[in-house]
N, C-alpha and C. Protein backbone atom coordinates (compact mmCIF):
# COMPACT_ATOMS: atom_id res chain seq x y z
N MET A 1 193.45 150.73 30.87
CA MET A 1 192.59 151.01 30.84
C MET A 1 191.20 150.85 30.68
N LYS A 2 190.80 149.62 30.54
CA LYS A 2 190.00 148.79 30.77
C LYS A 2 189.56 148.59 32.72
N LEU A 3 190.25 147.94 33.27
CA LEU A 3 190.70 148.26 34.77
C LEU A 3 190.00 149.67 35.30
N CYS A 4 190.60 150.62 34.85
CA CYS A 4 190.87 151.60 35.53
C CYS A 4 188.88 151.91 35.57
N LYS A 5 188.10 151.99 34.56
CA LYS A 5 186.74 151.89 33.89
C LYS A 5 185.97 150.95 34.63
N SER A 6 186.22 149.64 35.05
CA SER A 6 185.76 149.02 36.02
C SER A 6 185.55 149.41 37.79
N PHE A 7 186.76 150.31 37.48
CA PHE A 7 186.83 150.28 39.06
C PHE A 7 185.51 151.41 39.81
N ILE A 8 186.40 152.68 38.40
CA ILE A 8 185.25 153.63 38.43
C ILE A 8 183.93 153.46 38.65
N SER A 9 183.65 152.11 37.59
CA SER A 9 182.32 151.37 37.53
C SER A 9 181.64 151.11 38.74
N LEU A 10 182.80 150.81 39.77
CA LEU A 10 182.05 150.65 41.18
C LEU A 10 182.17 151.08 42.18
N ILE A 11 182.74 151.83 42.05
CA ILE A 11 182.66 153.53 42.27
C ILE A 11 181.01 154.08 42.50
N GLY A 12 180.69 153.89 41.06
CA GLY A 12 179.41 154.72 40.65
C GLY A 12 178.09 153.37 41.18
N ILE A 13 179.03 153.15 41.52
CA ILE A 13 177.46 151.82 41.71
C ILE A 13 177.06 151.61 43.35
N SER A 14 178.32 151.65 44.27
CA SER A 14 178.42 152.14 45.19
C SER A 14 178.45 153.31 46.30
N LEU A 15 178.11 154.01 45.18
CA LEU A 15 177.52 155.39 45.67
C LEU A 15 175.85 155.14 45.52
N VAL A 16 175.91 154.59 44.38
CA VAL A 16 173.81 154.69 43.85
C VAL A 16 173.88 154.40 44.80
N LEU A 17 174.18 152.96 45.30
CA LEU A 17 173.30 152.29 46.61
C LEU A 17 173.70 152.83 47.74
N ALA A 18 174.41 153.37 47.85
CA ALA A 18 174.46 154.65 49.24
C ALA A 18 173.18 155.49 49.14
N GLY A 19 173.32 155.71 47.66
CA GLY A 19 171.88 157.21 47.70
C GLY A 19 170.51 156.22 48.09
N CYS A 20 170.82 154.53 48.01
CA CYS A 20 169.15 154.89 47.95
C CYS A 20 168.58 154.54 49.62
N VAL A 21 170.09 154.17 50.20
CA VAL A 21 169.60 154.03 51.88
C VAL A 21 169.67 155.12 52.39
N SER A 22 167.58 155.61 53.17
CA SER A 22 168.14 156.87 53.77
C SER A 22 167.85 156.46 54.75
N GLN A 23 168.59 157.77 55.54
CA GLN A 23 169.29 157.79 57.13
C GLN A 23 168.03 157.16 58.12
N LYS A 24 166.23 157.11 58.17
CA LYS A 24 165.36 155.68 58.31
C LYS A 24 165.79 155.49 58.20
N ASP A 25 166.29 154.58 57.56
CA ASP A 25 166.26 153.12 57.29
C ASP A 25 167.63 152.86 58.05
N PHE A 26 168.57 153.63 57.37
CA PHE A 26 169.40 153.63 58.79
C PHE A 26 169.52 153.70 60.17
N ASN A 27 169.07 154.26 60.85
CA ASN A 27 168.60 154.71 61.65
C ASN A 27 167.92 153.66 61.98
N GLN A 28 166.54 152.35 61.64
CA GLN A 28 165.97 151.09 61.54
C GLN A 28 167.03 150.13 62.04
N VAL A 29 167.34 150.15 60.88
CA VAL A 29 168.67 149.32 61.21
C VAL A 29 169.50 149.18 62.51
N LYS A 30 169.64 150.47 62.89
CA LYS A 30 170.39 150.54 63.99
C LYS A 30 170.31 149.71 65.68
N ASN A 31 168.64 150.55 65.09
CA ASN A 31 167.91 150.55 66.54
C ASN A 31 167.78 148.83 67.18
N GLU A 32 167.40 148.27 65.73
CA GLU A 32 167.08 146.51 65.46
C GLU A 32 168.76 146.04 66.13
N LYS A 33 169.61 146.45 65.63
CA LYS A 33 170.80 146.40 66.31
C LYS A 33 170.94 145.83 67.65
N LYS A 34 170.50 147.46 68.28
CA LYS A 34 171.16 148.00 69.47
C LYS A 34 169.50 146.34 70.33
N THR A 35 168.53 145.99 69.93
CA THR A 35 167.37 145.64 70.40
C THR A 35 167.89 144.12 70.89
N THR A 36 168.48 144.54 69.39
CA THR A 36 168.66 142.29 68.89
C THR A 36 170.06 142.46 70.34
N GLU A 37 170.70 143.49 70.63
CA GLU A 37 171.84 143.40 71.54
C GLU A 37 171.98 143.25 72.87
N GLU A 38 170.87 144.35 72.81
CA GLU A 38 170.17 144.10 74.68
C GLU A 38 168.82 142.74 74.73
N LYS A 39 168.36 142.11 73.51
CA LYS A 39 167.75 140.53 74.16
C LYS A 39 169.29 139.63 74.69
N LEU A 40 170.30 139.37 73.84
CA LEU A 40 171.02 138.91 73.54
C LEU A 40 171.86 138.83 75.30
N ALA A 41 172.25 139.81 75.80
CA ALA A 41 172.92 140.38 76.43
C ALA A 41 171.34 139.80 78.00
N SER A 42 170.26 140.16 77.64
CA SER A 42 169.39 139.32 78.38
C SER A 42 169.01 137.71 78.43
N LEU A 43 169.75 136.92 77.42
CA LEU A 43 169.15 135.71 77.24
C LEU A 43 171.12 135.19 78.69
N GLU A 44 170.91 136.19 77.97
CA GLU A 44 172.83 135.13 79.07
C GLU A 44 172.45 135.59 79.90
N LYS A 45 171.97 136.42 80.66
CA LYS A 45 171.91 136.51 82.33
C LYS A 45 170.96 135.29 82.99
N GLU A 46 169.71 135.64 81.69
CA GLU A 46 168.63 134.47 82.05
C GLU A 46 169.52 132.89 81.83
N LEU A 47 170.61 132.65 81.00
CA LEU A 47 171.62 131.49 80.46
C LEU A 47 171.94 131.50 82.24
N GLU A 48 172.37 131.91 82.79
CA GLU A 48 173.72 132.49 83.86
C GLU A 48 172.90 132.53 84.98
N LEU A 49 171.68 132.47 85.43
CA LEU A 49 170.58 132.11 86.82
C LEU A 49 170.56 131.09 86.00
N ALA A 50 169.87 129.88 85.25
CA ALA A 50 169.79 128.98 85.21
C ALA A 50 171.26 128.34 85.82
N ARG A 51 172.38 128.54 84.60
CA ARG A 51 173.01 127.37 85.22
C ARG A 51 173.39 127.76 87.17
N LYS A 52 173.64 129.15 87.30
CA LYS A 52 173.46 129.00 88.63
C LYS A 52 172.10 128.00 89.65
N LYS A 53 170.99 127.86 89.06
CA LYS A 53 170.13 127.05 89.99
C LYS A 53 170.20 125.70 89.73
N ILE A 54 170.84 125.68 88.43
CA ILE A 54 171.38 123.98 87.97
C ILE A 54 172.20 123.70 89.06
N ASP A 55 173.29 123.94 89.14
CA ASP A 55 174.13 123.78 90.66
C ASP A 55 174.00 123.98 91.95
N ASP A 56 172.57 124.73 91.61
CA ASP A 56 172.82 124.85 93.58
C ASP A 56 171.59 122.94 93.42
N GLN A 57 171.22 122.76 92.28
CA GLN A 57 169.78 121.70 92.72
C GLN A 57 171.00 120.74 92.73
N ALA A 58 171.88 120.56 92.05
CA ALA A 58 172.36 119.71 92.07
C ALA A 58 173.83 119.45 93.56
N LYS A 59 174.17 120.81 94.60
CA LYS A 59 174.77 120.05 95.16
C LYS A 59 173.06 120.04 96.04
N GLU A 60 171.96 120.07 96.54
CA GLU A 60 170.81 119.84 97.29
C GLU A 60 170.99 118.13 96.96
N LEU A 61 171.33 117.74 95.72
CA LEU A 61 171.00 116.11 95.51
C LEU A 61 172.02 116.08 96.07
N ILE A 62 173.41 116.03 96.57
CA ILE A 62 175.00 114.88 96.85
C ILE A 62 174.26 115.58 97.97
N GLN A 63 173.46 116.43 99.09
CA GLN A 63 173.57 116.79 100.15
C GLN A 63 172.38 115.61 100.64
N THR A 64 171.42 115.85 99.50
CA THR A 64 170.00 114.42 99.58
C THR A 64 170.97 113.41 99.99
N ASN A 65 171.81 112.73 98.98
CA ASN A 65 172.17 111.72 99.16
C ASN A 65 173.27 111.16 100.40
N GLN A 66 173.90 112.25 100.64
CA GLN A 66 174.65 111.91 101.88
C GLN A 66 173.66 112.07 102.80
N ILE A 67 172.62 111.95 103.00
CA ILE A 67 171.76 112.56 104.12
C ILE A 67 171.49 110.90 104.75
N THR A 68 170.80 110.64 103.06
CA THR A 68 170.61 108.87 103.10
C THR A 68 171.43 108.20 103.74
N ASN A 69 172.37 107.87 103.14
CA ASN A 69 173.15 107.25 103.61
C ASN A 69 174.03 107.06 104.95
N GLU A 70 173.77 108.49 105.85
CA GLU A 70 173.93 108.40 106.82
C GLU A 70 173.18 107.48 107.74
N ASN A 71 171.78 108.99 107.11
CA ASN A 71 170.57 107.58 107.88
C ASN A 71 170.78 106.01 107.52
N ARG A 72 171.19 106.18 106.34
CA ARG A 72 171.08 104.10 106.38
C ARG A 72 172.34 103.66 107.23
N GLU A 73 173.47 104.22 107.33
CA GLU A 73 174.52 104.09 108.44
C GLU A 73 173.85 104.28 110.02
N LEU A 74 173.32 104.81 109.94
CA LEU A 74 172.50 105.02 111.52
C LEU A 74 172.21 103.74 111.65
N LYS A 75 170.83 103.38 110.68
CA LYS A 75 169.55 102.33 110.97
C LYS A 75 170.86 100.77 110.98
N GLU A 76 171.87 100.33 110.30
CA GLU A 76 172.82 99.39 110.78
C GLU A 76 173.42 99.58 111.66
N LYS A 77 173.52 101.06 112.61
CA LYS A 77 174.55 100.58 113.51
C LYS A 77 173.32 100.62 114.69
N LEU A 78 171.51 101.30 114.68
CA LEU A 78 170.88 100.75 115.79
C LEU A 78 170.44 99.31 115.61
N ASP A 79 170.67 98.78 114.44
CA ASP A 79 169.78 97.27 114.06
C ASP A 79 171.31 96.45 115.14
N LEU A 80 172.54 96.64 115.42
CA LEU A 80 173.22 96.11 115.53
C LEU A 80 173.25 96.30 116.93
N TYR A 81 172.91 97.68 117.05
CA TYR A 81 172.67 98.05 118.87
C TYR A 81 172.26 97.01 119.25
N ARG A 82 170.74 96.58 118.82
CA ARG A 82 169.90 96.06 119.05
C ARG A 82 169.99 94.47 119.24
N SER A 83 170.57 94.17 118.39
CA SER A 83 170.44 92.86 118.43
C SER A 83 171.29 92.06 119.39
N GLU A 84 172.78 93.28 119.39
CA GLU A 84 173.66 92.67 120.95
C GLU A 84 172.99 92.71 122.31
N ALA A 85 172.06 93.96 121.58
CA ALA A 85 171.12 93.93 123.60
C ALA A 85 169.45 93.40 123.97
N ASN A 86 169.49 92.64 122.69
CA ASN A 86 167.92 92.02 122.83
C ASN A 86 168.27 90.94 121.18
N PRO A 87 168.44 90.02 121.31
CA PRO A 87 168.30 89.27 120.28
C PRO A 87 167.27 88.56 119.44
N LYS A 88 166.44 88.51 120.78
CA LYS A 88 164.84 88.43 120.43
C LYS A 88 164.18 89.68 119.78
N ASN A 89 164.26 90.68 120.11
CA ASN A 89 163.47 92.02 119.41
C ASN A 89 163.37 91.46 117.43
N ASN A 90 162.18 91.76 117.59
CA ASN A 90 161.62 91.99 116.49
C ASN A 90 162.24 93.50 116.12
N ASN A 91 161.03 94.50 116.41
CA ASN A 91 161.15 95.83 115.72
C ASN A 91 162.56 96.23 115.51
N VAL A 92 162.49 96.28 114.13
CA VAL A 92 163.73 96.63 113.62
C VAL A 92 163.22 97.77 112.54
N ASN A 93 161.53 98.35 112.71
CA ASN A 93 161.23 99.72 111.94
C ASN A 93 161.02 100.80 112.80
N ASN A 94 161.25 100.91 114.02
CA ASN A 94 161.24 101.87 114.71
C ASN A 94 162.61 102.62 114.98
N TYR A 95 163.01 103.99 114.13
CA TYR A 95 163.50 104.46 114.31
C TYR A 95 164.16 105.98 114.81
N ASN A 96 163.06 106.09 115.82
CA ASN A 96 162.44 107.40 116.13
C ASN A 96 163.57 108.09 117.72
N THR A 97 164.72 106.99 118.29
CA THR A 97 165.52 107.11 119.23
C THR A 97 167.17 107.77 118.17
N THR A 98 167.99 108.24 118.60
CA THR A 98 169.53 108.14 118.04
C THR A 98 169.90 106.62 118.43
N VAL A 99 171.28 106.91 117.79
CA VAL A 99 172.21 105.87 118.28
C VAL A 99 172.60 105.74 119.80
N GLU A 100 172.91 107.16 120.36
CA GLU A 100 173.57 107.54 121.73
C GLU A 100 172.04 106.16 122.47
N ASP A 101 171.45 106.71 122.13
CA ASP A 101 170.37 106.74 122.57
C ASP A 101 169.59 104.88 123.46
N GLU A 102 169.84 105.07 122.14
CA GLU A 102 169.41 103.77 121.69
C GLU A 102 171.13 102.70 122.97
N TYR A 103 172.39 103.15 122.15
CA TYR A 103 173.70 102.34 123.37
C TYR A 103 172.84 102.35 124.48
N ILE A 104 172.51 103.81 125.14
CA ILE A 104 172.68 104.06 126.79
C ILE A 104 171.21 103.09 127.12
N ASN A 105 169.69 103.32 126.42
CA ASN A 105 168.93 102.05 126.90
C ASN A 105 169.26 100.28 126.71
N ASN A 106 170.35 100.34 126.11
CA ASN A 106 170.06 99.16 125.80
C ASN A 106 171.70 98.00 125.79
N LEU A 107 172.74 99.11 126.06
CA LEU A 107 174.40 98.57 126.24
C LEU A 107 175.02 99.18 127.85
N LEU A 108 174.50 99.86 128.36
CA LEU A 108 174.83 100.49 130.05
C LEU A 108 174.43 100.00 131.13
N GLN A 109 175.10 99.68 131.47
CA GLN A 109 174.41 98.96 132.95
C GLN A 109 174.48 99.76 133.82
N VAL A 110 173.15 100.61 134.78
CA VAL A 110 174.06 101.14 135.97
C VAL A 110 173.50 100.54 137.02
N TYR A 111 174.21 100.21 137.72
CA TYR A 111 174.08 99.51 139.17
C TYR A 111 174.45 99.88 140.47
N ASP A 112 173.66 99.78 141.61
CA ASP A 112 175.23 99.16 143.06
C ASP A 112 174.93 101.27 142.93
N PHE A 113 173.40 101.87 142.68
CA PHE A 113 173.14 102.54 142.70
C PHE A 113 172.86 103.46 144.43
N LYS A 114 173.51 104.49 144.44
CA LYS A 114 173.20 104.41 146.28
C LYS A 114 173.40 106.49 146.52
N ALA A 115 171.51 106.93 147.05
CA ALA A 115 172.03 108.12 147.29
C ALA A 115 171.90 108.32 149.47
N VAL A 116 172.22 108.77 149.43
CA VAL A 116 172.71 108.63 150.90
C VAL A 116 173.08 109.43 152.19
N TYR A 117 173.27 110.49 152.90
CA TYR A 117 173.70 111.28 153.63
C TYR A 117 174.92 110.59 153.48
N MET A 118 176.34 110.24 153.61
CA MET A 118 177.94 110.68 153.39
C MET A 118 178.68 111.74 154.81
N ASP A 119 179.82 111.16 155.12
CA ASP A 119 180.66 111.57 155.91
C ASP A 119 181.33 112.20 154.21
N SER A 120 181.47 113.50 154.78
CA SER A 120 182.62 114.37 153.85
C SER A 120 183.60 115.34 154.83
N TRP A 121 184.92 114.83 154.89
CA TRP A 121 186.06 115.03 155.74
C TRP A 121 185.93 117.15 156.32
N LEU A 122 185.33 117.52 155.06
CA LEU A 122 184.98 119.09 154.98
C LEU A 122 184.03 119.28 155.92
N ASP A 123 182.97 119.36 155.04
CA ASP A 123 181.91 119.30 155.22
C ASP A 123 180.20 118.51 156.47
N GLY A 124 181.34 117.70 156.76
CA GLY A 124 180.28 116.37 157.45
C GLY A 124 179.54 115.76 157.19
N LYS A 125 177.97 115.42 157.97
CA LYS A 125 177.16 115.23 156.55
C LYS A 125 176.58 115.50 154.63
N VAL A 126 176.79 115.13 154.88
CA VAL A 126 176.18 115.82 153.43
C VAL A 126 175.03 114.65 152.28
N PRO A 127 174.76 115.30 151.14
CA PRO A 127 173.98 114.46 150.76
C PRO A 127 175.18 114.24 149.82
N GLY A 128 175.18 112.00 149.64
CA GLY A 128 176.10 111.41 148.45
C GLY A 128 175.57 110.79 146.72
N VAL A 129 176.39 110.11 146.00
CA VAL A 129 175.50 109.51 145.75
C VAL A 129 176.95 108.36 145.07
N VAL A 130 177.07 107.09 145.38
CA VAL A 130 177.77 106.57 144.56
C VAL A 130 176.85 105.36 143.16
N PHE A 131 177.77 104.82 142.45
CA PHE A 131 176.97 103.80 141.36
C PHE A 131 177.99 102.98 140.81
N LYS A 132 178.17 102.58 140.33
CA LYS A 132 179.06 101.26 138.90
C LYS A 132 178.18 101.68 137.88
N ILE A 133 178.75 101.95 136.43
CA ILE A 133 178.91 101.61 135.12
C ILE A 133 179.30 100.58 134.55
N LYS A 134 178.16 100.09 133.58
CA LYS A 134 178.99 98.00 132.85
C LYS A 134 178.82 99.46 131.81
N ASN A 135 180.16 99.21 130.58
CA ASN A 135 179.99 98.85 128.68
C ASN A 135 179.34 97.48 128.29
N LYS A 136 178.31 97.39 127.83
CA LYS A 136 178.13 96.17 127.69
C LYS A 136 178.65 96.17 126.21
N GLY A 137 178.47 97.22 126.02
CA GLY A 137 178.67 97.49 124.35
C GLY A 137 180.14 96.65 123.34
N LYS A 138 180.46 97.65 122.36
CA LYS A 138 181.39 97.10 121.78
C LYS A 138 182.09 98.63 121.45
N LYS A 139 181.37 99.36 121.69
CA LYS A 139 181.65 100.99 121.68
C LYS A 139 182.75 101.60 122.81
N THR A 140 183.65 102.46 122.82
CA THR A 140 184.20 102.95 123.76
C THR A 140 183.59 103.92 123.60
N LEU A 141 183.07 104.62 124.91
CA LEU A 141 182.75 106.00 125.17
C LEU A 141 184.12 106.77 125.97
N SER A 142 183.94 107.86 124.90
CA SER A 142 185.07 109.13 126.12
C SER A 142 184.23 109.95 126.83
N GLU A 143 182.58 110.23 126.60
CA GLU A 143 182.25 110.98 127.57
C GLU A 143 180.67 110.26 128.09
N ILE A 144 180.21 110.23 129.00
CA ILE A 144 179.13 109.67 130.34
C ILE A 144 178.76 111.14 131.32
N GLU A 145 177.24 111.10 130.55
CA GLU A 145 176.42 112.58 131.44
C GLU A 145 175.70 111.33 132.29
N VAL A 146 175.97 111.96 133.58
CA VAL A 146 174.56 110.88 134.28
C VAL A 146 173.87 112.10 135.41
N THR A 147 172.90 112.19 135.67
CA THR A 147 171.87 112.90 135.85
C THR A 147 171.11 112.08 137.37
N VAL A 148 171.31 112.61 138.29
CA VAL A 148 170.96 112.45 139.55
C VAL A 148 169.60 112.64 140.23
N TYR A 149 168.16 112.68 140.16
CA TYR A 149 166.91 113.90 140.63
C TYR A 149 166.87 113.08 142.17
N PHE A 150 167.19 113.96 142.84
CA PHE A 150 166.15 113.66 143.99
C PHE A 150 165.06 114.08 144.58
N THR A 151 164.32 113.35 145.66
CA THR A 151 162.37 113.36 145.06
C THR A 151 162.00 113.81 146.86
N ASP A 152 160.90 113.86 146.90
CA ASP A 152 160.38 114.64 148.11
C ASP A 152 159.73 112.72 148.43
N GLY A 153 159.20 112.54 149.41
CA GLY A 153 158.85 110.83 149.74
C GLY A 153 157.13 111.12 149.01
N LYS A 154 156.95 112.05 148.06
CA LYS A 154 156.02 111.33 147.41
C LYS A 154 156.80 111.58 145.80
N GLY A 155 157.82 110.95 145.48
CA GLY A 155 157.82 110.89 144.26
C GLY A 155 158.04 111.95 143.45
N ASN A 156 158.29 113.23 144.09
CA ASN A 156 158.54 114.02 143.24
C ASN A 156 159.71 115.46 143.07
N ASN A 157 160.55 115.42 142.10
CA ASN A 157 162.03 115.21 142.26
C ASN A 157 161.80 117.33 143.11
N ILE A 158 162.60 117.81 143.72
CA ILE A 158 162.92 119.04 144.29
C ILE A 158 164.09 119.65 144.14
N ALA A 159 165.08 118.40 143.71
CA ALA A 159 166.65 118.99 142.83
C ALA A 159 167.35 118.16 141.79
N GLU A 160 168.03 118.55 141.42
CA GLU A 160 168.83 117.35 140.50
C GLU A 160 170.67 117.92 140.48
N GLU A 161 170.78 116.94 140.24
CA GLU A 161 172.53 117.28 140.18
C GLU A 161 173.34 116.48 138.76
N THR A 162 173.93 116.56 138.52
CA THR A 162 174.73 115.64 137.29
C THR A 162 176.18 115.97 136.33
N TYR A 163 176.11 115.11 136.95
CA TYR A 163 177.59 114.43 136.98
C TYR A 163 178.39 113.74 135.91
N TYR A 164 179.65 113.96 135.55
CA TYR A 164 180.25 113.33 134.46
C TYR A 164 181.40 112.11 134.78
N PRO A 165 180.84 110.83 135.12
CA PRO A 165 181.71 110.09 135.55
C PRO A 165 182.88 109.66 134.72
N VAL A 166 183.01 109.48 133.20
CA VAL A 166 183.59 109.47 132.38
C VAL A 166 183.63 110.89 131.08
N LEU A 167 184.98 111.44 131.67
CA LEU A 167 184.97 112.58 130.44
C LEU A 167 186.42 112.02 130.21
N ASP A 168 186.38 111.94 129.22
CA ASP A 168 188.06 112.66 127.90
C ASP A 168 188.94 113.92 128.67
N SER A 169 188.32 114.83 128.57
CA SER A 169 188.88 116.14 129.31
C SER A 169 188.60 116.07 130.86
N GLY A 170 189.62 117.37 131.48
CA GLY A 170 189.35 117.27 132.80
C GLY A 170 189.67 116.69 133.76
N VAL A 171 189.28 116.60 134.72
CA VAL A 171 190.46 115.88 135.55
C VAL A 171 189.88 114.89 136.32
N SER A 172 188.34 114.55 135.73
CA SER A 172 187.99 113.00 135.82
C SER A 172 189.36 111.40 135.55
N ASP A 173 189.07 110.30 136.47
CA ASP A 173 189.76 110.01 136.79
C ASP A 173 189.94 108.50 135.41
N PHE A 174 188.30 108.82 134.72
CA PHE A 174 188.34 107.30 133.55
C PHE A 174 187.89 108.60 131.99
N LYS A 175 188.76 108.47 131.66
CA LYS A 175 189.07 109.39 130.28
C LYS A 175 188.49 108.75 129.02
N GLU A 176 187.61 106.75 129.27
CA GLU A 176 187.49 106.82 129.07
C GLU A 176 186.81 105.38 129.30
N LEU A 177 185.14 104.92 129.16
CA LEU A 177 184.86 103.43 128.99
C LEU A 177 185.21 102.13 128.36
N LYS A 178 185.36 101.53 129.12
CA LYS A 178 185.65 100.12 126.75
C LYS A 178 184.85 99.54 126.74
N PRO A 179 185.00 99.16 125.76
CA PRO A 179 183.57 98.01 125.86
C PRO A 179 184.19 97.19 127.43
N ASN A 180 183.38 96.55 128.05
CA ASN A 180 182.93 95.67 128.62
C ASN A 180 183.56 96.16 130.76
N TYR A 181 184.74 97.05 129.99
CA TYR A 181 184.73 97.90 131.28
C TYR A 181 183.79 98.00 132.27
N THR A 182 183.80 98.51 133.81
CA THR A 182 182.95 99.26 134.68
C THR A 182 183.48 100.31 135.15
N PHE A 183 182.77 101.01 135.41
CA PHE A 183 183.01 102.41 136.62
C PHE A 183 182.75 102.28 137.71
N GLN A 184 183.75 102.62 138.48
CA GLN A 184 182.84 102.83 140.23
C GLN A 184 184.34 103.58 140.94
N PHE A 185 183.95 103.83 141.81
CA PHE A 185 184.35 104.76 143.03
C PHE A 185 185.11 104.33 143.49
N ASP A 186 186.83 105.29 143.37
CA ASP A 186 187.22 104.36 144.34
C ASP A 186 187.01 104.28 146.21
N ASN A 187 187.52 103.63 146.71
CA ASN A 187 186.55 103.55 148.48
C ASN A 187 187.10 104.59 148.93
N ASP A 188 185.58 105.72 149.52
CA ASP A 188 185.26 106.73 150.05
C ASP A 188 185.52 107.42 149.65
N HIS A 189 185.59 107.37 148.00
CA HIS A 189 184.49 108.29 147.27
C HIS A 189 183.05 108.39 146.46
N PHE A 190 182.59 109.50 146.18
CA PHE A 190 181.36 109.85 146.08
C PHE A 190 180.52 111.18 145.42
N TYR A 191 180.34 110.67 144.77
CA TYR A 191 179.97 112.58 144.41
C TYR A 191 178.68 112.60 145.40
N SER A 192 179.02 114.09 146.09
CA SER A 192 178.17 115.21 147.28
C SER A 192 176.87 116.17 146.19
N ALA A 193 176.13 116.19 146.77
CA ALA A 193 175.65 116.54 146.12
C ALA A 193 175.00 118.50 146.93
N LYS A 194 175.28 118.89 146.78
CA LYS A 194 175.29 120.33 147.43
C LYS A 194 173.45 121.37 147.27
N LEU A 195 173.08 121.05 145.84
CA LEU A 195 171.81 121.22 145.76
C LEU A 195 170.43 120.92 146.31
N VAL A 196 171.16 120.08 146.70
CA VAL A 196 169.80 119.02 147.78
C VAL A 196 169.57 119.91 148.51
N PRO A 197 168.09 119.62 149.30
CA PRO A 197 167.42 120.50 150.48
C PRO A 197 167.86 119.49 151.97
N LYS A 198 167.41 120.31 152.86
CA LYS A 198 167.81 119.53 153.75
C LYS A 198 167.03 118.48 154.77
N GLU A 199 165.60 118.97 153.93
CA GLU A 199 164.70 118.12 153.95
C GLU A 199 164.58 116.49 153.94
N TRP A 200 165.18 116.94 152.33
CA TRP A 200 165.89 115.99 151.93
C TRP A 200 165.83 114.37 152.81
N LYS A 201 165.21 112.86 152.16
CA LYS A 201 165.26 111.73 153.24
C LYS A 201 166.48 110.95 152.07
N SER A 202 167.42 110.51 153.28
CA SER A 202 168.08 109.69 152.28
C SER A 202 167.40 108.23 151.86
N GLY A 203 167.85 107.95 150.31
CA GLY A 203 166.99 107.09 149.50
C GLY A 203 166.50 107.36 148.26
N ASN A 204 165.49 108.50 148.41
CA ASN A 204 165.03 109.91 148.25
C ASN A 204 165.64 109.72 146.46
N ALA A 205 166.10 109.20 145.93
CA ALA A 205 166.43 108.91 144.15
C ALA A 205 166.56 108.35 142.96
N THR A 206 166.45 109.07 141.99
CA THR A 206 166.90 107.83 140.66
C THR A 206 168.07 108.66 139.94
N ILE A 207 168.35 107.61 139.39
CA ILE A 207 169.85 108.24 138.55
C ILE A 207 168.98 107.67 136.61
N LYS A 208 169.78 108.39 136.13
CA LYS A 208 169.46 108.49 134.58
C LYS A 208 170.86 108.61 134.13
N ILE A 209 171.15 107.24 132.93
CA ILE A 209 172.50 108.20 131.70
C ILE A 209 171.42 109.52 130.80
N THR A 210 172.39 110.71 131.08
CA THR A 210 171.70 111.58 129.98
C THR A 210 172.30 111.82 128.85
N SER A 211 173.48 111.38 128.65
CA SER A 211 174.34 111.66 127.46
C SER A 211 175.47 111.07 127.15
N ILE A 212 175.91 110.58 126.27
CA ILE A 212 176.80 109.76 125.68
C ILE A 212 177.70 110.70 124.89
N LYS A 213 178.57 110.08 124.54
CA LYS A 213 180.22 110.63 123.41
C LYS A 213 180.63 109.52 123.10
N PHE A 214 180.75 108.61 122.02
CA PHE A 214 181.62 107.77 121.11
C PHE A 214 182.87 108.59 120.92
N LYS A 215 184.36 107.75 121.47
CA LYS A 215 185.50 107.70 121.00
C LYS A 215 185.73 107.68 119.77
N GLU A 216 185.78 108.59 118.78
CA GLU A 216 186.17 108.87 117.76
C GLU A 216 187.64 107.66 116.88
N GLU A 217 187.21 106.96 116.20
CA GLU A 217 188.36 106.57 116.09
C GLU A 217 188.76 106.47 115.11
């Protein structure tokens, strides 16, 4: 009987408390709850954006470190090539050239170059060039691009031809040029120069190695 009276008393107290909360207060609490939920959602979006930004910065940092390491390796290679080509050269602070350019300038030798009219079985007398290339470095080359510039009597360029004496793809006899090896033409073979004008005179030409590729190891 006492238990029943206590239960009824609790119900009564709850009804009294419920009666003390007006509809206005209830709506205010409801609105505050909604505002809080919206703020939490906004904070979650900001947190997600912050996480994404941190991830992007981490990726950029990794890329920067990779570039730094690659640059250091390139500088080491440049120093090696320079020391091989010219041990007395102390200028090790100029890194404005690529590894390929350094290799061309210091470790590839072009010699016995000749640009004259030559006899062709099919076309008769035609402008032609022959040359040799020696690889004095320690790298195997899978491609060498050579450009010959034909000039007039005043030294002005009037035509040019590009050749690939070493090429790992195509019909070249030289698929690669190993260290200490030399490229040269077979007897009676030469590169023809079909773009040279008829007024060109034999001997007026210069040659330059314009590009190389290292064989992947």
